[in-house]
Protein backbone atom coordinates (compact mmCIF):
# COMPACT_ATOMS: atom_id res chain seq x y z
CA MET A 1 138.38 130.04 82.95
CA ARG A 2 138.66 127.53 79.94
CA LEU A 3 136.91 124.61 79.83
CA SER A 4 138.12 121.50 78.07
CA ALA A 5 135.96 119.38 76.51
CA PRO A 6 136.19 116.49 79.18
CA ASP A 7 135.12 119.15 81.94
CA VAL A 8 131.51 119.15 80.23
CA ALA A 9 128.98 117.69 82.88
CA LYS A 10 125.87 115.79 81.65
CA CYS A 11 122.79 117.37 83.42
CA PRO A 12 119.67 114.43 84.44
CA HIS A 13 117.59 117.67 84.23
CA PRO A 14 117.23 119.56 81.07
CA TRP A 15 116.74 122.80 82.56
CA HIS A 16 120.05 122.96 83.54
CA PHE A 17 123.65 122.92 82.80
CA GLY A 18 126.86 121.25 84.42
CA TYR A 19 130.62 121.14 84.04
CA TYR A 20 133.54 120.61 86.32
CA HIS A 21 136.59 122.80 87.30
CA ASN A 22 139.16 122.10 89.49
CA GLY A 23 137.71 118.52 90.63
CA ARG A 24 134.16 120.22 91.52
CA GLU A 25 131.30 119.74 89.59
CA HIS A 26 129.52 123.33 88.81
CA ARG A 27 125.13 123.56 87.55
CA TYR A 28 123.50 126.32 86.44
CA SER A 29 120.40 127.00 85.73
CA LEU A 30 119.61 127.76 81.90
CA ARG A 31 117.23 130.32 81.77
CA GLN A 32 119.35 132.32 84.18
CA ILE A 33 122.72 131.83 81.86
CA ALA A 34 120.01 133.16 78.83
CA ARG A 35 119.22 135.95 81.03
CA ALA A 36 122.76 136.91 81.90
CA LEU A 37 123.93 136.39 78.10
CA GLY A 38 120.94 138.59 77.03
CA GLU A 39 119.42 136.03 74.96
CA THR A 40 115.93 134.56 74.67
CA VAL A 41 115.05 132.25 77.69
CA PRO A 42 113.95 128.85 76.44
CA THR A 43 109.92 128.20 77.33
CA SER A 44 110.55 124.48 76.47
CA LYS A 45 112.87 121.57 76.89
CA THR A 46 113.48 121.40 73.54
CA GLU A 47 115.03 125.00 73.42
CA ALA A 48 116.61 124.18 77.06
CA LYS A 49 118.31 121.28 75.39
CA ILE A 50 119.39 123.58 71.96
CA LEU A 51 120.56 126.30 74.28
CA ALA A 52 122.88 123.51 76.60
CA ASP A 53 124.21 121.60 73.26
CA ARG A 54 125.38 124.94 72.09
CA LEU A 55 126.91 125.93 75.13
CA ARG A 56 128.67 122.42 75.20
CA GLY A 57 129.55 123.15 71.58
CA GLU A 58 131.66 126.23 72.57
CA ILE A 59 133.51 124.89 75.00
CA ARG A 60 134.57 121.93 73.06
CA ALA A 61 135.80 124.70 70.62
CA GLY A 62 138.02 125.92 72.96
CA LYS A 63 135.57 129.17 73.78
CA ASN A 64 134.94 130.62 76.97
CA PRO A 65 131.36 131.64 77.71
CA ASN A 66 131.92 132.70 81.46
CA ALA A 67 134.09 135.39 79.29
CA ARG A 68 130.32 136.69 78.00
CA LEU A 69 128.36 136.06 81.28
CA ALA A 70 131.16 138.61 82.75
CA GLN A 71 130.32 141.21 80.93
CA GLN A 72 126.57 141.07 82.16
CA SER A 73 124.98 142.99 84.83
CA SER A 74 124.29 139.68 86.40
CA PRO A 75 126.99 137.12 86.29
CA ASP A 76 126.07 134.57 88.92
CA VAL A 77 124.20 131.76 87.21
CA ARG A 78 124.85 129.03 89.80
CA LEU A 79 121.75 127.29 90.99
CA THR A 80 119.68 129.24 93.86
CA PHE A 81 117.97 127.72 96.52
CA GLY A 82 114.82 128.86 95.05
CA ASP A 83 115.71 126.82 91.58
CA VAL A 84 116.57 123.69 93.70
CA SER A 85 113.29 124.01 95.72
CA ASP A 86 110.86 124.32 92.85
CA ARG A 87 112.40 121.20 91.51
CA TYR A 88 112.05 119.42 94.54
CA LEU A 89 108.56 120.30 94.92
CA ASP A 90 107.46 119.73 91.37
CA GLU A 91 109.24 116.27 91.52
CA TYR A 92 109.46 114.67 95.12
CA VAL A 93 106.30 116.67 97.02
CA ARG A 94 103.35 117.57 94.25
CA VAL A 95 103.86 113.83 92.94
CA GLN A 96 100.98 110.70 93.44
CA PRO A 97 100.04 109.11 95.41
CA ARG A 98 101.39 111.59 98.02
CA LYS A 99 98.05 113.32 100.26
CA ILE A 100 97.26 116.40 99.31
CA ASP A 101 96.89 117.41 103.24
CA ALA A 102 101.26 116.21 103.28
CA GLN A 103 101.72 118.02 99.89
CA ARG A 104 100.27 120.87 101.74
CA VAL A 105 102.24 120.91 104.80
CA MET A 106 105.77 120.14 102.60
CA MET A 107 104.59 123.15 100.87
CA PHE A 108 104.48 125.21 103.76
CA HIS A 109 107.71 124.46 104.86
CA VAL A 110 109.44 124.96 102.02
CA ASN A 111 108.00 128.44 100.67
CA ALA A 112 108.82 129.49 104.28
CA LEU A 113 112.38 128.33 103.93
CA LYS A 114 112.72 130.45 100.73
CA ARG A 115 111.14 133.56 102.38
CA THR A 116 113.96 133.27 105.07
CA PHE A 117 115.97 136.56 104.74
CA VAL A 118 120.01 135.88 106.47
CA PRO A 119 122.62 138.25 106.55
CA ALA A 120 124.67 138.96 102.71
CA ALA A 121 127.80 141.09 101.85
CA THR A 122 128.16 144.40 102.71
CA GLY A 123 125.48 144.21 106.02
CA THR A 124 122.58 143.68 103.74
CA ARG A 125 119.77 140.78 104.13
CA THR A 126 118.93 138.49 101.00
CA ALA A 127 116.07 135.94 100.61
CA TRP A 128 117.25 132.33 100.59
CA GLU A 129 115.46 131.93 97.34
CA ARG A 130 117.74 134.17 95.61
CA LYS A 131 120.88 132.42 97.73
CA SER A 132 123.05 129.85 95.79
CA ILE A 133 122.34 126.66 97.21
CA ASP A 134 125.88 125.98 97.84
CA GLU A 135 126.70 128.45 99.58
CA ILE A 136 124.22 127.98 102.60
CA THR A 137 125.75 127.49 105.82
CA ARG A 138 125.39 126.31 109.05
CA ALA A 139 125.01 129.95 110.12
CA ASP A 140 122.43 130.51 107.74
CA ILE A 141 120.48 127.27 109.31
CA GLU A 142 121.00 129.17 112.87
CA VAL A 143 119.72 132.62 111.44
CA LEU A 144 116.73 130.33 110.14
CA ARG A 145 116.21 128.71 113.42
CA ASN A 146 116.20 131.87 115.53
CA ASP A 147 113.91 133.76 113.41
CA TRP A 148 111.47 130.91 113.66
CA LEU A 149 111.61 130.65 117.57
CA GLU A 150 111.31 134.66 117.79
CA HIS A 151 108.05 135.06 115.89
CA ARG A 152 106.54 131.91 117.06
CA LEU A 153 107.72 130.50 120.44
CA GLY A 154 104.80 129.98 122.59
CA ARG A 155 102.71 130.11 120.12
CA LYS A 156 101.59 126.43 117.99
CA GLY A 157 104.16 125.47 115.79
CA GLY A 158 107.30 126.67 117.94
CA ARG A 159 109.88 124.40 119.36
CA VAL A 160 108.35 121.52 117.63
CA GLY A 161 107.58 123.77 114.60
CA ALA A 162 111.34 124.71 113.98
CA ASN A 163 112.10 121.06 113.98
CA ARG A 164 109.81 120.09 111.17
CA LEU A 165 111.43 123.15 109.14
CA LEU A 166 114.95 121.68 109.79
CA ALA A 167 114.06 118.53 109.22
CA ARG A 168 112.13 119.43 106.04
CA LEU A 169 115.40 121.17 105.09
CA ARG A 170 117.68 118.40 105.90
CA HIS A 171 115.73 116.24 103.44
CA LEU A 172 115.93 118.58 100.61
CA PHE A 173 119.56 118.82 100.83
CA ARG A 174 119.74 114.82 101.28
CA TRP A 175 117.70 115.31 97.69
CA ALA A 176 119.48 117.82 96.22
CA ILE A 177 122.88 115.56 96.71
CA VAL A 178 121.03 112.69 95.00
CA GLN A 179 119.77 114.97 92.03
CA GLY A 180 123.49 115.90 91.72
CA TYR A 181 122.25 119.73 92.25
CA VAL A 182 125.18 120.13 94.97
CA ASP A 183 127.60 117.89 96.64
CA HIS A 184 127.40 118.41 100.32
CA THR A 185 125.00 119.44 102.96
CA PRO A 186 125.55 122.22 105.61
CA PHE A 187 123.99 119.68 108.07
CA GLN A 188 126.98 117.61 108.21
CA LEU A 189 130.95 118.40 108.72
CA HIS A 190 133.04 115.75 107.52
CA GLY A 191 130.45 113.50 108.22
CA VAL A 192 129.75 114.76 111.63
CA PRO A 193 126.21 116.03 112.24
CA ALA A 194 126.70 120.20 112.28
CA ILE A 195 123.02 121.11 113.10
CA LYS A 196 120.86 118.80 115.81
CA LEU A 197 117.13 119.41 116.34
CA ASP A 198 115.62 119.88 119.47
CA GLY A 199 115.02 116.99 121.36
CA ARG A 200 113.49 118.72 124.15
CA ALA A 201 110.31 119.58 122.25
CA GLU A 202 109.80 116.43 120.66
CA GLY A 203 108.45 114.49 123.90
CA PRO A 204 105.63 112.07 123.16
CA ARG A 205 101.99 112.59 123.66
CA THR A 206 100.44 110.58 126.07
CA ARG A 207 96.64 111.70 126.42
CA ARG A 208 94.15 109.07 127.24
CA LEU A 209 90.57 109.15 127.80
CA GLU A 210 89.56 109.83 131.59
CA ASP A 211 86.88 108.30 133.23
CA GLY A 212 83.60 109.11 131.32
CA GLU A 213 84.92 111.02 128.76
CA GLU A 214 84.34 108.34 126.04
CA GLU A 215 80.55 108.45 127.02
CA ARG A 216 80.20 112.12 127.10
CA LEU A 217 81.95 112.39 123.64
CA VAL A 218 79.31 109.85 122.13
CA ARG A 219 76.59 111.89 123.80
CA TYR A 220 77.42 115.23 122.89
CA ALA A 221 78.76 114.26 119.45
CA PRO A 222 76.64 114.77 116.64
CA PRO A 223 75.83 111.66 114.72
CA HIS A 224 78.10 111.67 111.94
CA LEU A 225 80.99 112.63 114.39
CA ARG A 226 79.29 109.73 117.17
CA ASP A 227 79.94 106.84 114.40
CA LEU A 228 82.96 107.94 113.68
CA ILE A 229 84.23 108.19 117.22
CA ILE A 230 83.45 104.65 117.57
CA ALA A 231 85.07 103.40 114.98
CA ALA A 232 88.33 105.28 116.05
CA LEU A 233 87.77 103.36 119.45
CA GLU A 234 87.12 100.01 117.53
CA THR A 235 89.49 99.96 115.16
CA GLY A 236 92.63 101.95 116.00
CA CYS A 237 92.19 103.46 112.34
CA ARG A 238 93.31 107.03 111.78
CA ARG A 239 90.94 109.91 110.75
CA GLY A 240 91.46 110.16 107.52
CA GLU A 241 91.55 106.63 106.74
CA LEU A 242 87.76 106.11 108.16
CA LEU A 243 86.67 109.34 106.33
CA SER A 244 88.18 107.39 102.59
CA LEU A 245 86.19 104.03 103.52
CA ARG A 246 83.78 103.26 100.92
CA TRP A 247 81.26 100.55 100.95
CA SER A 248 83.33 98.18 98.76
CA ASP A 249 85.75 98.24 101.43
CA ILE A 250 83.54 96.49 104.10
CA LYS A 251 84.00 92.93 103.88
CA TRP A 252 80.75 91.42 105.53
CA SER A 253 81.83 87.71 105.26
CA ALA A 254 85.09 87.65 106.41
CA ASN A 255 84.28 90.50 108.92
CA ILE A 256 87.28 92.94 107.89
CA ILE A 257 87.97 96.51 107.08
CA LEU A 258 90.04 96.31 103.84
CA LEU A 259 92.63 99.71 104.09
CA LEU A 260 93.89 100.36 100.87
CA ALA A 261 97.08 101.39 100.36
CA ASP A 262 96.53 104.60 99.06
CA VAL A 263 94.69 105.47 102.24
CA THR A 264 97.09 104.51 104.71
CA LYS A 265 99.98 106.89 106.28
CA PRO A 266 102.80 103.89 104.92
CA HIS A 267 101.42 103.07 101.77
CA HIS A 268 100.61 99.59 103.04
CA ALA A 269 97.29 97.85 102.42
CA ARG A 270 95.90 96.24 105.76
CA ASP A 271 93.05 94.07 107.14
CA VAL A 272 91.10 95.23 110.46
CA PRO A 273 88.75 93.15 111.90
CA MET A 274 85.70 94.55 112.82
CA SER A 275 84.01 94.56 116.74
CA ARG A 276 80.66 93.28 117.48
CA ARG A 277 80.18 96.97 118.42
CA LEU A 278 81.38 98.65 114.95
CA ARG A 279 79.19 95.66 112.76
CA ALA A 280 76.23 97.35 114.49
CA VAL A 281 77.62 101.12 113.84
CA LEU A 282 77.99 100.10 110.26
CA ASP A 283 74.61 98.19 110.13
CA MET A 284 72.88 101.46 111.01
CA ARG A 285 74.98 103.53 108.14
CA ARG A 286 74.37 101.08 105.07
CA TYR A 287 71.48 102.92 104.32
CA ALA A 288 70.40 106.87 103.40
CA PRO A 289 67.58 108.81 104.78
CA ASP A 290 65.00 107.44 102.26
CA GLY A 291 65.99 103.96 103.21
CA ALA A 292 67.80 103.05 99.90
CA ARG A 293 71.24 101.03 100.68
CA HIS A 294 74.32 103.02 99.85
CA GLY A 295 76.22 101.90 96.70
CA PRO A 296 79.57 100.01 96.97
CA ASP A 297 81.57 103.58 95.68
CA GLN A 298 79.93 105.77 98.29
CA TYR A 299 81.76 106.75 101.92
CA VAL A 300 80.85 104.92 104.92
CA PHE A 301 81.70 107.94 106.98
CA GLY A 302 79.98 110.38 103.91
CA ASN A 303 77.19 112.80 104.80
CA GLY A 304 73.63 111.47 104.48
CA VAL A 305 73.77 110.72 100.70
CA GLY A 306 77.17 109.03 100.88
CA GLU A 307 79.34 111.99 99.74
CA PRO A 308 82.70 112.42 101.34
CA VAL A 309 83.15 114.59 103.92
CA LYS A 310 86.70 116.31 104.39
CA SER A 311 87.18 117.22 107.58
CA VAL A 312 84.96 117.07 111.13
CA ARG A 313 87.88 119.59 113.06
CA THR A 314 84.79 122.01 113.87
CA ALA A 315 82.73 119.01 114.98
CA TRP A 316 84.93 117.51 117.02
CA GLU A 317 85.95 120.75 118.89
CA ASN A 318 82.50 121.57 119.28
CA THR A 319 81.67 118.05 120.54
CA CYS A 320 84.79 118.56 122.82
CA ARG A 321 83.68 121.79 124.46
CA ARG A 322 80.27 120.60 125.36
CA ALA A 323 81.35 117.53 126.74
CA ASN A 324 83.75 119.95 128.88
CA ILE A 325 86.92 117.76 127.47
CA GLU A 326 89.96 119.43 127.29
CA ASP A 327 93.38 119.11 125.23
CA LEU A 328 91.72 115.95 123.25
CA HIS A 329 92.91 115.56 119.77
CA PHE A 330 90.74 113.36 117.58
CA HIS A 331 94.04 111.72 116.99
CA ASP A 332 94.45 110.35 120.76
CA LEU A 333 91.81 108.02 120.42
CA ARG A 334 93.87 105.97 117.80
CA ARG A 335 96.56 105.94 121.17
CA GLU A 336 93.54 105.10 123.38
CA PHE A 337 93.12 101.75 121.12
CA GLY A 338 96.40 100.92 121.00
CA SER A 339 97.01 101.23 124.83
CA ARG A 340 93.52 99.48 125.58
CA LEU A 341 94.31 96.70 122.95
CA ARG A 342 97.99 96.19 124.68
CA GLU A 343 96.21 95.78 127.85
CA THR A 344 94.24 93.05 126.82
CA PRO A 345 95.57 89.61 128.63
CA ARG A 346 98.02 87.69 125.82
CA MET A 347 98.25 90.54 123.38
CA SER A 348 101.69 91.36 122.58
CA ASP A 349 103.36 94.05 121.15
CA HIS A 350 103.92 92.74 117.70
CA GLU A 351 99.83 91.90 117.58
CA VAL A 352 99.79 95.71 118.14
CA ARG A 353 102.08 96.86 115.57
CA ASP A 354 100.12 94.66 112.93
CA TRP A 355 96.61 95.89 113.83
CA LEU A 356 97.70 99.50 114.02
CA GLY A 357 99.89 99.31 110.71
CA HIS A 358 103.14 100.40 111.81
CA ALA A 359 106.33 99.77 110.03
CA ASN A 360 108.30 98.95 113.15
CA ILE A 361 107.81 98.27 117.19
CA THR A 362 109.24 101.56 117.97
CA THR A 363 106.34 103.64 116.88
CA THR A 364 104.49 100.99 118.32
CA SER A 365 105.77 102.04 121.70
CA ARG A 366 105.39 105.76 121.44
CA TYR A 367 101.08 105.17 121.54
CA LEU A 368 101.22 102.32 124.45
CA SER A 369 100.10 104.18 127.35
CA THR A 370 99.25 102.62 130.40
CA THR A 371 96.17 104.80 132.49
CA ARG A 372 95.72 105.16 136.25
CA VAL A 373 93.91 102.19 136.35
CA GLY A 374 96.15 99.96 134.48
CA LEU A 375 99.20 100.84 136.80
CA GLN A 376 97.30 99.67 140.05
CA GLN A 377 96.10 96.85 138.46
CA ALA A 378 100.01 96.07 137.78
CA LEU A 379 100.56 96.81 141.16
CA HIS A 380 98.13 94.32 141.96
CA LYS A 381 100.02 91.53 139.75
CA PHE A 382 103.22 92.66 141.71
CA GLU A 383 102.25 92.45 145.47
CA GLU A 384 100.45 89.05 144.35
CA ALA A 385 103.50 88.02 143.07
CA ARG A 386 105.70 89.00 145.80
CA ASN A 387 103.13 87.53 148.22
CA ILE A 388 103.52 83.73 146.76
CA ARG A 389 107.45 84.47 146.34
CA THR A 390 107.77 84.87 150.34
CA ASN A 391 105.12 82.65 151.89
C-alpha cells in the first residue's frame, strides 16, 4: 500500500501517528511503530514528534513504511484498547476537579475492561487491552457482560454492576470518537442502538425511615456520627458534602451553609438553610475539647481537633447493628429529608429540587418516596374531598 502526501493525517496527540486509506483514517501508537521497526522507542514528546515527522517525510517521498513493518515479527501497530483506555484515564478520569472516589470507581471499571478475555483467532483468547480498538464488536461486549454476570450474579455488583461497566465502556467509545481514535462504536449499528443495558436491574431505591428508626440511630450512634446523621436529616446534604464542610462555610448571620462547587456532585455551589435543630448541633461543635473555638479552615464534622474524617462506614454499620436496623444506607437519609420536604404543605417539587441541588426535576422525583403514614393522610384528604362533592 502506497500512501501519497494528502493521505497523511495530523494526529492531535503527540504519541500517535495517523493516515487515511480508502476513505478511512487509521491511527497508530508511535511507541508500537518504533518497536515494530526495531528502532529506539521514543520516551518524550519531542522524540515522538521527530519520529512522526520522519514517517510523514517517507510517505511524502513515496516510500512505504508499511513494507518495513510487514517484514517485522510484530506488524500490527494499530491502536489497541489498552492504548486508548490509558489515554482515557490520563485525559478524562484522573483530572481535576474530579473527586478521588469517582476516579477510583472509573479506574476500577476501565481496568476490569482491559483484563477481560474474549475469543480470538484459531480458538485462542486475548485480553481486550491487546485487541485493536476498532475490532471490538458487539459479540465481544456480550462476552464481557456474560462473564461479569457469571462471576458476580447474586453478589454485590451483579446486574447493576454489569450496567455500570457497560455504561463506562459506552462512554469510553464516545470519548474515543470525539478524540479521533475510532470512527464508530459497537454500541450502535447504523445509528440504531445495538446493545442495551438491563433496565430491570435499575429499579429506584425507596427505603425510608420507619417509626422509631431515627430515634434509635441517634441513640446508638457515637457523637461524631450522631451529629452527622442529624445534619443529613436537616439539610439533605450528601455524606461527602457534609464531611468536606469547613467552619468558613457556615454563614451564621445569613443562616446558611455554603456548599462550594468543588465538593458537590454536579460541581455547582449552592446555599442550604440551617434549621434551629441543626444550629444547635453546630453551636456545640464549634469548640474543641479544650474549649478553644475551631478555626475557619478546620472541618465541621471532623475529629475533636477539626481534622478531616475520611469515612464513617464502620461507625454507620455498627450503629445500624446496635439499633437493630437493616438495609439502611447513609444516603437514604437524603431521600428521607427530600420526601419530608415534599410532604410539607405548599412545598413544590421545584423547591425540593433546588434545595437538594439536582440538575433536573427527574432526578428529584427518584428521591420522593411517600411513607405509609403519608399515604393514609392522602387517603383522608381524598375521602374528605369526595364527601364534599357528594353532599
